[in-house]
């Protein structure tokens, strides 16, 4: 069932898209299991929104390319990531940054998951920061807490600072 679990992919989208998607080739109209899973997901998201744990965007996520003098041409998957890259490019203390620089494995619900942080930033004095951007409403989501805890440990072991930027840090 998990024959591609140890494969390396360029992004989460690549690892869950096309033939790697468990529902590939299946349609809810033809497969009751797929329809039931969709209903469970919809119900769970609705419950989280009603409890105020999940803030949904008014528009779909913004994505595109950002041409950076410090990182080259990078892809952003949200307006938050785009704003982060603009801030890093404008900061004279930033020497360079790498987008989605590594994979950090973490445990969640008794299984190993993969987390890809947004950027690894190198500053003038050689200080490095691993930065993740998140909406304030998602900071305390259990899976994000598990990701953050794993990233803090990985960064401490590597001598890197970990920061999670929200609307406040991004000035949004």
N, C-alpha and C. Protein backbone atom coordinates (compact mmCIF):
# COMPACT_ATOMS: atom_id res chain seq x y z
N UNK A 1 0.82 -1.20 0.00
CA UNK A 1 0.00 0.00 0.00
C UNK A 1 0.86 1.26 0.00
N UNK A 2 2.00 1.26 0.69
CA UNK A 2 2.85 2.44 0.77
C UNK A 2 4.15 2.22 0.02
N UNK A 3 4.08 1.80 -1.23
CA UNK A 3 5.30 1.44 -1.95
C UNK A 3 6.19 2.63 -2.26
N UNK A 4 5.69 3.88 -2.18
CA UNK A 4 6.50 5.07 -2.46
C UNK A 4 6.86 5.83 -1.20
N UNK A 5 6.68 5.23 -0.01
CA UNK A 5 6.88 5.93 1.25
C UNK A 5 8.30 6.50 1.39
N UNK A 6 9.32 5.76 0.96
CA UNK A 6 10.69 6.22 1.14
C UNK A 6 11.22 7.00 -0.06
N UNK A 7 10.40 7.21 -1.06
CA UNK A 7 10.84 7.96 -2.24
C UNK A 7 11.03 9.43 -1.90
N UNK A 8 11.97 10.07 -2.56
CA UNK A 8 12.21 11.50 -2.37
C UNK A 8 11.47 12.25 -3.48
N UNK A 9 10.75 13.28 -3.11
CA UNK A 9 10.02 14.08 -4.06
C UNK A 9 10.45 15.53 -3.94
N UNK A 10 10.22 16.31 -5.00
CA UNK A 10 10.62 17.72 -4.97
C UNK A 10 9.69 18.55 -4.11
N UNK A 11 8.47 18.08 -3.90
CA UNK A 11 7.52 18.84 -3.10
C UNK A 11 6.40 17.92 -2.63
N UNK A 12 5.60 18.44 -1.70
CA UNK A 12 4.45 17.69 -1.22
C UNK A 12 3.48 17.44 -2.36
N UNK A 13 3.31 18.42 -3.23
CA UNK A 13 2.39 18.28 -4.35
C UNK A 13 2.80 17.11 -5.24
N UNK A 14 4.10 16.98 -5.50
CA UNK A 14 4.59 15.88 -6.32
C UNK A 14 4.38 14.53 -5.63
N UNK A 15 4.54 14.51 -4.31
CA UNK A 15 4.44 13.24 -3.59
C UNK A 15 3.01 12.75 -3.45
N UNK A 16 2.04 13.64 -3.61
CA UNK A 16 0.64 13.23 -3.43
C UNK A 16 -0.18 13.42 -4.70
N UNK A 17 0.46 13.76 -5.78
CA UNK A 17 -0.26 14.02 -7.02
C UNK A 17 -0.24 12.82 -7.96
N UNK A 18 -1.13 12.85 -8.93
CA UNK A 18 -1.15 11.84 -9.98
C UNK A 18 -1.22 10.43 -9.45
N UNK A 19 -0.36 9.57 -9.98
CA UNK A 19 -0.42 8.15 -9.61
C UNK A 19 -0.03 7.89 -8.16
N UNK A 20 0.59 8.90 -7.47
CA UNK A 20 0.97 8.73 -6.08
C UNK A 20 -0.19 9.06 -5.13
N UNK A 21 -1.28 9.57 -5.66
CA UNK A 21 -2.46 9.89 -4.86
C UNK A 21 -3.26 8.61 -4.66
N UNK A 22 -3.62 8.32 -3.41
CA UNK A 22 -4.36 7.10 -3.11
C UNK A 22 -5.69 7.01 -3.83
N UNK A 23 -6.25 8.14 -4.22
CA UNK A 23 -7.54 8.13 -4.92
C UNK A 23 -7.37 8.26 -6.43
N UNK A 24 -6.13 8.10 -6.93
CA UNK A 24 -5.85 8.25 -8.36
C UNK A 24 -6.72 7.30 -9.18
N UNK A 25 -7.41 7.86 -10.14
CA UNK A 25 -8.25 7.05 -11.01
C UNK A 25 -9.60 6.69 -10.42
N UNK A 26 -9.84 7.04 -9.18
CA UNK A 26 -11.11 6.73 -8.53
C UNK A 26 -11.96 7.99 -8.48
N UNK A 27 -13.24 7.83 -8.58
CA UNK A 27 -14.15 8.96 -8.46
C UNK A 27 -15.18 8.64 -7.40
N UNK A 28 -15.53 9.67 -6.65
CA UNK A 28 -16.49 9.47 -5.57
C UNK A 28 -17.79 8.88 -6.08
N UNK A 29 -18.14 9.23 -7.30
CA UNK A 29 -19.40 8.73 -7.85
C UNK A 29 -19.35 7.22 -8.09
N UNK A 30 -18.14 6.69 -8.33
CA UNK A 30 -17.99 5.26 -8.62
C UNK A 30 -17.51 4.44 -7.43
N UNK A 31 -16.89 5.09 -6.47
CA UNK A 31 -16.27 4.36 -5.37
C UNK A 31 -16.81 4.88 -4.04
N UNK A 32 -17.64 4.10 -3.36
CA UNK A 32 -18.23 4.56 -2.10
C UNK A 32 -17.18 4.89 -1.03
N UNK A 33 -16.03 4.19 -1.04
CA UNK A 33 -15.00 4.47 -0.04
C UNK A 33 -14.42 5.87 -0.23
N UNK A 34 -14.22 6.29 -1.49
CA UNK A 34 -13.71 7.63 -1.78
C UNK A 34 -14.76 8.68 -1.37
N UNK A 35 -16.03 8.41 -1.68
CA UNK A 35 -17.10 9.34 -1.30
C UNK A 35 -17.18 9.49 0.21
N UNK A 36 -17.06 8.37 0.94
CA UNK A 36 -17.14 8.41 2.41
C UNK A 36 -15.95 9.19 2.98
N UNK A 37 -14.75 8.97 2.43
CA UNK A 37 -13.58 9.69 2.92
C UNK A 37 -13.76 11.19 2.70
N UNK A 38 -14.28 11.59 1.55
CA UNK A 38 -14.52 13.01 1.27
C UNK A 38 -15.51 13.61 2.25
N UNK A 39 -16.54 12.86 2.61
CA UNK A 39 -17.52 13.35 3.57
C UNK A 39 -16.89 13.52 4.95
N UNK A 40 -16.03 12.58 5.34
CA UNK A 40 -15.37 12.68 6.65
C UNK A 40 -14.46 13.90 6.70
N UNK A 41 -13.72 14.13 5.62
CA UNK A 41 -12.82 15.29 5.57
C UNK A 41 -13.64 16.57 5.65
N UNK A 42 -14.69 16.66 4.86
CA UNK A 42 -15.52 17.85 4.87
C UNK A 42 -16.12 18.10 6.25
N UNK A 43 -16.59 17.05 6.90
CA UNK A 43 -17.19 17.18 8.22
C UNK A 43 -16.14 17.64 9.23
N UNK A 44 -14.95 17.04 9.18
CA UNK A 44 -13.89 17.39 10.13
C UNK A 44 -13.45 18.85 9.94
N UNK A 45 -13.30 19.30 8.69
CA UNK A 45 -12.92 20.69 8.43
C UNK A 45 -14.00 21.66 8.90
N UNK A 46 -15.25 21.30 8.66
CA UNK A 46 -16.36 22.15 9.10
C UNK A 46 -16.37 22.28 10.61
N UNK A 47 -16.17 21.18 11.30
CA UNK A 47 -16.15 21.22 12.77
C UNK A 47 -15.00 22.10 13.27
N UNK A 48 -13.83 22.00 12.65
CA UNK A 48 -12.69 22.82 13.05
C UNK A 48 -12.96 24.30 12.81
N UNK A 49 -13.62 24.62 11.70
CA UNK A 49 -13.95 26.02 11.41
C UNK A 49 -14.93 26.56 12.44
N UNK A 50 -15.93 25.76 12.79
CA UNK A 50 -16.93 26.20 13.76
C UNK A 50 -16.32 26.41 15.15
N UNK A 51 -15.30 25.61 15.49
CA UNK A 51 -14.63 25.78 16.79
C UNK A 51 -13.62 26.93 16.75
N UNK A 52 -13.42 27.52 15.57
CA UNK A 52 -12.47 28.63 15.45
C UNK A 52 -11.03 28.18 15.34
N UNK A 53 -10.81 26.90 15.09
CA UNK A 53 -9.45 26.37 14.98
C UNK A 53 -8.88 26.54 13.59
N UNK A 54 -9.72 26.76 12.62
CA UNK A 54 -9.26 26.85 11.25
C UNK A 54 -9.89 28.07 10.60
N UNK A 55 -9.05 28.94 10.12
CA UNK A 55 -9.52 30.13 9.42
C UNK A 55 -9.35 29.88 7.94
N UNK A 56 -10.42 29.91 7.20
CA UNK A 56 -10.32 29.65 5.76
C UNK A 56 -10.12 30.95 5.01
N UNK A 57 -9.32 30.91 3.96
CA UNK A 57 -9.09 32.12 3.18
C UNK A 57 -10.34 32.48 2.38
N UNK A 58 -10.51 33.77 2.14
CA UNK A 58 -11.65 34.20 1.34
C UNK A 58 -11.44 33.84 -0.13
N UNK A 59 -10.20 33.82 -0.54
CA UNK A 59 -9.87 33.45 -1.92
C UNK A 59 -9.05 32.17 -1.88
N UNK A 60 -8.83 31.59 -3.05
CA UNK A 60 -7.94 30.44 -3.10
C UNK A 60 -6.53 30.92 -2.83
N UNK A 61 -5.66 29.98 -2.49
CA UNK A 61 -4.27 30.34 -2.22
C UNK A 61 -3.64 30.95 -3.47
N UNK A 62 -2.84 31.97 -3.23
CA UNK A 62 -2.12 32.63 -4.30
C UNK A 62 -0.82 31.87 -4.53
N UNK A 63 -0.46 31.64 -5.77
CA UNK A 63 0.80 30.96 -6.05
C UNK A 63 1.41 31.54 -7.32
N UNK A 64 2.71 31.33 -7.44
CA UNK A 64 3.40 31.82 -8.62
C UNK A 64 4.90 31.84 -8.41
N UNK A 65 5.61 32.47 -9.34
CA UNK A 65 7.06 32.57 -9.25
C UNK A 65 7.46 33.93 -8.68
N UNK A 66 8.54 33.91 -7.92
CA UNK A 66 9.13 35.13 -7.40
C UNK A 66 10.59 35.13 -7.84
N UNK A 67 11.01 36.18 -8.54
CA UNK A 67 12.39 36.29 -8.97
C UNK A 67 13.17 37.06 -7.92
N UNK A 68 14.06 36.33 -7.24
CA UNK A 68 14.80 36.89 -6.12
C UNK A 68 16.27 37.08 -6.47
N UNK A 69 16.84 38.23 -6.11
CA UNK A 69 18.27 38.41 -6.32
C UNK A 69 19.10 37.57 -5.34
N UNK A 70 18.47 37.06 -4.29
CA UNK A 70 19.19 36.30 -3.26
C UNK A 70 18.93 34.80 -3.32
N UNK A 71 17.89 34.38 -4.03
CA UNK A 71 17.56 32.95 -4.07
C UNK A 71 17.28 32.45 -5.48
N UNK A 72 17.33 33.33 -6.47
CA UNK A 72 16.98 32.93 -7.82
C UNK A 72 15.47 32.92 -8.00
N UNK A 73 15.02 32.16 -8.98
CA UNK A 73 13.58 32.06 -9.22
C UNK A 73 12.99 31.00 -8.30
N UNK A 74 12.05 31.41 -7.45
CA UNK A 74 11.45 30.49 -6.48
C UNK A 74 9.93 30.45 -6.68
N UNK A 75 9.33 29.37 -6.27
CA UNK A 75 7.89 29.19 -6.36
C UNK A 75 7.28 29.43 -4.99
N UNK A 76 6.21 30.21 -4.94
CA UNK A 76 5.49 30.40 -3.68
C UNK A 76 4.11 29.79 -3.81
N UNK A 77 3.62 29.24 -2.70
CA UNK A 77 2.32 28.56 -2.67
C UNK A 77 1.26 29.35 -1.91
N UNK A 78 1.65 30.52 -1.41
CA UNK A 78 0.68 31.34 -0.69
C UNK A 78 1.16 32.79 -0.70
N UNK A 79 0.25 33.70 -0.43
CA UNK A 79 0.63 35.12 -0.36
C UNK A 79 1.57 35.35 0.82
N UNK A 80 1.48 34.50 1.85
CA UNK A 80 2.37 34.61 3.00
C UNK A 80 3.81 34.29 2.58
N UNK A 81 3.98 33.22 1.82
CA UNK A 81 5.32 32.87 1.33
C UNK A 81 5.85 33.97 0.42
N UNK A 82 5.01 34.48 -0.47
CA UNK A 82 5.43 35.56 -1.36
C UNK A 82 5.91 36.76 -0.54
N UNK A 83 5.16 37.14 0.48
CA UNK A 83 5.53 38.27 1.33
C UNK A 83 6.85 37.99 2.06
N UNK A 84 7.04 36.77 2.55
CA UNK A 84 8.29 36.39 3.21
C UNK A 84 9.47 36.62 2.27
N UNK A 85 9.36 36.17 1.03
CA UNK A 85 10.46 36.30 0.08
C UNK A 85 10.73 37.77 -0.24
N UNK A 86 9.69 38.57 -0.32
CA UNK A 86 9.87 40.01 -0.56
C UNK A 86 10.59 40.66 0.62
N UNK A 87 10.24 40.28 1.85
CA UNK A 87 10.89 40.83 3.04
C UNK A 87 12.36 40.43 3.07
N UNK A 88 12.64 39.16 2.79
CA UNK A 88 14.02 38.68 2.81
C UNK A 88 14.87 39.38 1.74
N UNK A 89 14.29 39.61 0.56
CA UNK A 89 15.02 40.30 -0.51
C UNK A 89 15.32 41.75 -0.13
N UNK A 90 14.42 42.38 0.61
CA UNK A 90 14.60 43.79 0.98
C UNK A 90 15.52 43.96 2.20
N UNK A 91 15.76 42.90 2.96
CA UNK A 91 16.58 42.99 4.17
C UNK A 91 18.06 42.93 3.80
N UNK A 92 18.79 44.00 4.07
CA UNK A 92 20.21 44.07 3.72
C UNK A 92 21.07 43.12 4.56
N UNK A 93 20.55 42.63 5.67
CA UNK A 93 21.28 41.67 6.51
C UNK A 93 21.21 40.24 5.97
N UNK A 94 20.28 39.99 5.04
CA UNK A 94 20.12 38.65 4.48
C UNK A 94 21.08 38.49 3.30
N UNK A 95 21.95 37.48 3.40
CA UNK A 95 22.89 37.20 2.32
C UNK A 95 22.20 36.34 1.26
N UNK A 96 21.53 35.27 1.71
CA UNK A 96 20.84 34.37 0.79
C UNK A 96 19.78 33.58 1.55
N UNK A 97 18.93 32.91 0.78
CA UNK A 97 17.97 32.00 1.39
C UNK A 97 17.64 30.89 0.41
N UNK A 98 17.27 29.75 0.98
CA UNK A 98 16.90 28.58 0.19
C UNK A 98 15.46 28.25 0.52
N UNK A 99 14.65 28.08 -0.50
CA UNK A 99 13.24 27.76 -0.33
C UNK A 99 13.08 26.25 -0.19
N UNK A 100 12.26 25.83 0.77
CA UNK A 100 12.00 24.42 1.07
C UNK A 100 13.33 23.65 1.13
N UNK A 101 14.18 24.01 2.10
CA UNK A 101 15.55 23.52 2.12
C UNK A 101 15.75 22.07 2.58
N UNK A 102 14.79 21.51 3.30
CA UNK A 102 15.02 20.19 3.88
C UNK A 102 13.70 19.52 4.21
N UNK A 103 13.81 18.26 4.59
CA UNK A 103 12.66 17.50 5.07
C UNK A 103 12.93 17.14 6.52
N UNK A 104 11.98 17.42 7.38
CA UNK A 104 12.09 17.06 8.79
C UNK A 104 11.01 16.02 9.06
N UNK A 105 11.42 14.86 9.54
CA UNK A 105 10.45 13.81 9.85
C UNK A 105 9.97 14.00 11.29
N UNK A 106 8.68 13.74 11.49
CA UNK A 106 8.09 13.89 12.82
C UNK A 106 6.99 12.86 13.01
N UNK A 107 6.66 12.60 14.26
CA UNK A 107 5.60 11.65 14.58
C UNK A 107 4.29 12.40 14.79
N UNK A 108 3.23 11.86 14.20
CA UNK A 108 1.90 12.41 14.43
C UNK A 108 0.90 11.28 14.26
N UNK A 109 0.03 11.11 15.24
CA UNK A 109 -0.97 10.03 15.23
C UNK A 109 -0.31 8.67 15.00
N UNK A 110 0.78 8.42 15.71
CA UNK A 110 1.49 7.15 15.67
C UNK A 110 2.06 6.78 14.30
N UNK A 111 2.34 7.77 13.47
CA UNK A 111 3.01 7.48 12.20
C UNK A 111 4.01 8.58 11.88
N UNK A 112 5.00 8.23 11.08
CA UNK A 112 6.04 9.17 10.69
C UNK A 112 5.53 10.03 9.54
N UNK A 113 5.65 11.34 9.71
CA UNK A 113 5.22 12.30 8.69
C UNK A 113 6.44 13.09 8.23
N UNK A 114 6.28 13.80 7.11
CA UNK A 114 7.35 14.63 6.56
C UNK A 114 6.90 16.09 6.56
N UNK A 115 7.81 16.95 6.97
CA UNK A 115 7.54 18.39 7.04
C UNK A 115 8.63 19.12 6.27
N UNK A 116 8.22 20.03 5.39
CA UNK A 116 9.16 20.81 4.60
C UNK A 116 8.99 22.28 4.98
N UNK A 117 9.94 22.85 5.73
CA UNK A 117 9.85 24.26 6.13
C UNK A 117 9.96 25.19 4.92
N UNK A 118 9.54 26.44 5.10
CA UNK A 118 9.48 27.37 3.97
C UNK A 118 10.83 27.91 3.51
N UNK A 119 11.72 28.29 4.42
CA UNK A 119 12.98 28.90 3.99
C UNK A 119 14.08 28.75 5.04
N UNK A 120 15.30 28.58 4.55
CA UNK A 120 16.50 28.62 5.38
C UNK A 120 17.25 29.88 4.98
N UNK A 121 17.39 30.81 5.93
CA UNK A 121 17.95 32.13 5.65
C UNK A 121 19.34 32.23 6.26
N UNK A 122 20.29 32.76 5.47
CA UNK A 122 21.63 33.01 5.96
C UNK A 122 21.83 34.52 6.04
N UNK A 123 22.25 34.97 7.23
CA UNK A 123 22.46 36.40 7.47
C UNK A 123 23.95 36.76 7.37
N UNK A 124 24.25 38.07 7.34
CA UNK A 124 25.61 38.59 7.18
C UNK A 124 26.63 37.94 8.09
N UNK A 125 26.32 37.75 9.34
CA UNK A 125 27.28 37.23 10.30
C UNK A 125 27.31 35.71 10.34
N UNK A 126 26.68 35.07 9.38
CA UNK A 126 26.68 33.61 9.31
C UNK A 126 25.57 32.95 10.10
N UNK A 127 24.77 33.73 10.78
CA UNK A 127 23.63 33.18 11.52
C UNK A 127 22.61 32.64 10.52
N UNK A 128 22.05 31.49 10.84
CA UNK A 128 21.03 30.90 9.97
C UNK A 128 19.72 30.74 10.74
N UNK A 129 18.61 30.99 10.01
CA UNK A 129 17.27 30.80 10.58
C UNK A 129 16.46 29.94 9.63
N UNK A 130 15.73 29.00 10.21
CA UNK A 130 14.76 28.22 9.46
C UNK A 130 13.41 28.86 9.74
N UNK A 131 12.75 29.33 8.69
CA UNK A 131 11.51 30.09 8.87
C UNK A 131 10.33 29.36 8.23
N UNK A 132 9.26 29.30 8.99
CA UNK A 132 7.98 28.77 8.52
C UNK A 132 6.96 29.89 8.62
N UNK A 133 6.09 30.03 7.63
CA UNK A 133 5.02 31.03 7.71
C UNK A 133 3.69 30.30 7.88
N UNK A 134 2.88 30.82 8.79
CA UNK A 134 1.58 30.23 9.09
C UNK A 134 0.60 31.32 9.49
N UNK A 135 -0.66 31.18 9.11
CA UNK A 135 -1.68 32.08 9.65
C UNK A 135 -1.81 31.86 11.16
N UNK A 136 -2.10 32.91 11.88
CA UNK A 136 -2.23 32.82 13.33
C UNK A 136 -3.23 31.73 13.74
N UNK A 137 -4.29 31.59 12.98
CA UNK A 137 -5.33 30.61 13.30
C UNK A 137 -4.89 29.17 13.19
N UNK A 138 -3.74 28.92 12.55
CA UNK A 138 -3.27 27.54 12.40
C UNK A 138 -2.09 27.20 13.31
N UNK A 139 -1.60 28.17 14.06
CA UNK A 139 -0.41 27.96 14.89
C UNK A 139 -0.60 26.81 15.88
N UNK A 140 -1.75 26.72 16.50
CA UNK A 140 -1.97 25.70 17.54
C UNK A 140 -2.68 24.45 17.03
N UNK A 141 -2.78 24.31 15.72
CA UNK A 141 -3.32 23.09 15.14
C UNK A 141 -2.39 21.94 15.55
N UNK A 142 -2.91 20.82 16.03
CA UNK A 142 -2.05 19.75 16.56
C UNK A 142 -0.94 19.29 15.60
N UNK A 143 -1.24 19.17 14.33
CA UNK A 143 -0.19 18.73 13.40
C UNK A 143 0.90 19.80 13.26
N UNK A 144 0.51 21.07 13.30
CA UNK A 144 1.50 22.14 13.21
C UNK A 144 2.35 22.23 14.48
N UNK A 145 1.76 21.93 15.62
CA UNK A 145 2.53 21.89 16.87
C UNK A 145 3.58 20.77 16.79
N UNK A 146 3.18 19.62 16.27
CA UNK A 146 4.12 18.49 16.13
C UNK A 146 5.25 18.85 15.15
N UNK A 147 4.91 19.52 14.05
CA UNK A 147 5.93 19.96 13.09
C UNK A 147 6.90 20.93 13.76
N UNK A 148 6.34 21.91 14.46
CA UNK A 148 7.17 22.93 15.11
C UNK A 148 8.11 22.30 16.14
N UNK A 149 7.59 21.38 16.96
CA UNK A 149 8.43 20.73 17.97
C UNK A 149 9.59 19.97 17.32
N UNK A 150 9.31 19.26 16.23
CA UNK A 150 10.36 18.51 15.53
C UNK A 150 11.38 19.47 14.92
N UNK A 151 10.91 20.58 14.36
CA UNK A 151 11.81 21.55 13.74
C UNK A 151 12.70 22.22 14.79
N UNK A 152 12.16 22.53 15.94
CA UNK A 152 12.95 23.15 17.01
C UNK A 152 14.08 22.23 17.44
N UNK A 153 13.79 20.95 17.59
CA UNK A 153 14.83 19.98 17.97
C UNK A 153 15.87 19.85 16.87
N UNK A 154 15.43 19.72 15.62
CA UNK A 154 16.37 19.59 14.50
C UNK A 154 17.26 20.83 14.39
N UNK A 155 16.67 22.00 14.55
CA UNK A 155 17.44 23.24 14.45
C UNK A 155 18.43 23.37 15.61
N UNK A 156 18.01 22.99 16.82
CA UNK A 156 18.91 23.06 17.97
C UNK A 156 20.12 22.16 17.75
N UNK A 157 19.89 20.99 17.18
CA UNK A 157 20.99 20.06 16.90
C UNK A 157 21.93 20.58 15.82
N UNK A 158 21.43 21.41 14.92
CA UNK A 158 22.24 21.93 13.81
C UNK A 158 22.77 23.34 14.07
N UNK A 159 22.42 23.94 15.21
CA UNK A 159 22.88 25.29 15.52
C UNK A 159 22.18 26.35 14.69
N UNK A 160 20.92 26.10 14.37
CA UNK A 160 20.11 27.02 13.56
C UNK A 160 18.96 27.53 14.42
N UNK A 161 18.54 28.76 14.18
CA UNK A 161 17.40 29.35 14.89
C UNK A 161 16.13 28.98 14.13
N UNK A 162 15.08 28.61 14.84
CA UNK A 162 13.79 28.32 14.21
C UNK A 162 12.80 29.42 14.56
N UNK A 163 12.10 29.92 13.55
CA UNK A 163 11.06 30.92 13.78
C UNK A 163 9.83 30.59 12.94
N UNK A 164 8.68 30.85 13.51
CA UNK A 164 7.42 30.74 12.78
C UNK A 164 6.85 32.15 12.65
N UNK A 165 6.70 32.61 11.42
CA UNK A 165 6.21 33.97 11.16
C UNK A 165 4.72 33.92 10.85
N UNK A 166 3.98 34.84 11.44
CA UNK A 166 2.55 34.96 11.18
C UNK A 166 2.29 36.30 10.50
N UNK A 167 1.02 36.69 10.43
CA UNK A 167 0.65 37.97 9.83
C UNK A 167 1.41 39.11 10.49
N UNK A 168 1.65 38.99 11.80
CA UNK A 168 2.32 40.04 12.54
C UNK A 168 3.73 40.31 11.99
N UNK A 169 4.55 39.27 11.87
CA UNK A 169 5.90 39.40 11.37
C UNK A 169 5.94 39.79 9.89
N UNK A 170 4.93 39.34 9.16
CA UNK A 170 4.88 39.63 7.72
C UNK A 170 4.28 41.00 7.42
N UNK A 171 3.65 41.62 8.42
CA UNK A 171 3.04 42.92 8.21
C UNK A 171 1.79 42.87 7.35
N UNK A 172 1.07 41.76 7.44
CA UNK A 172 -0.15 41.59 6.64
C UNK A 172 -1.36 41.93 7.48
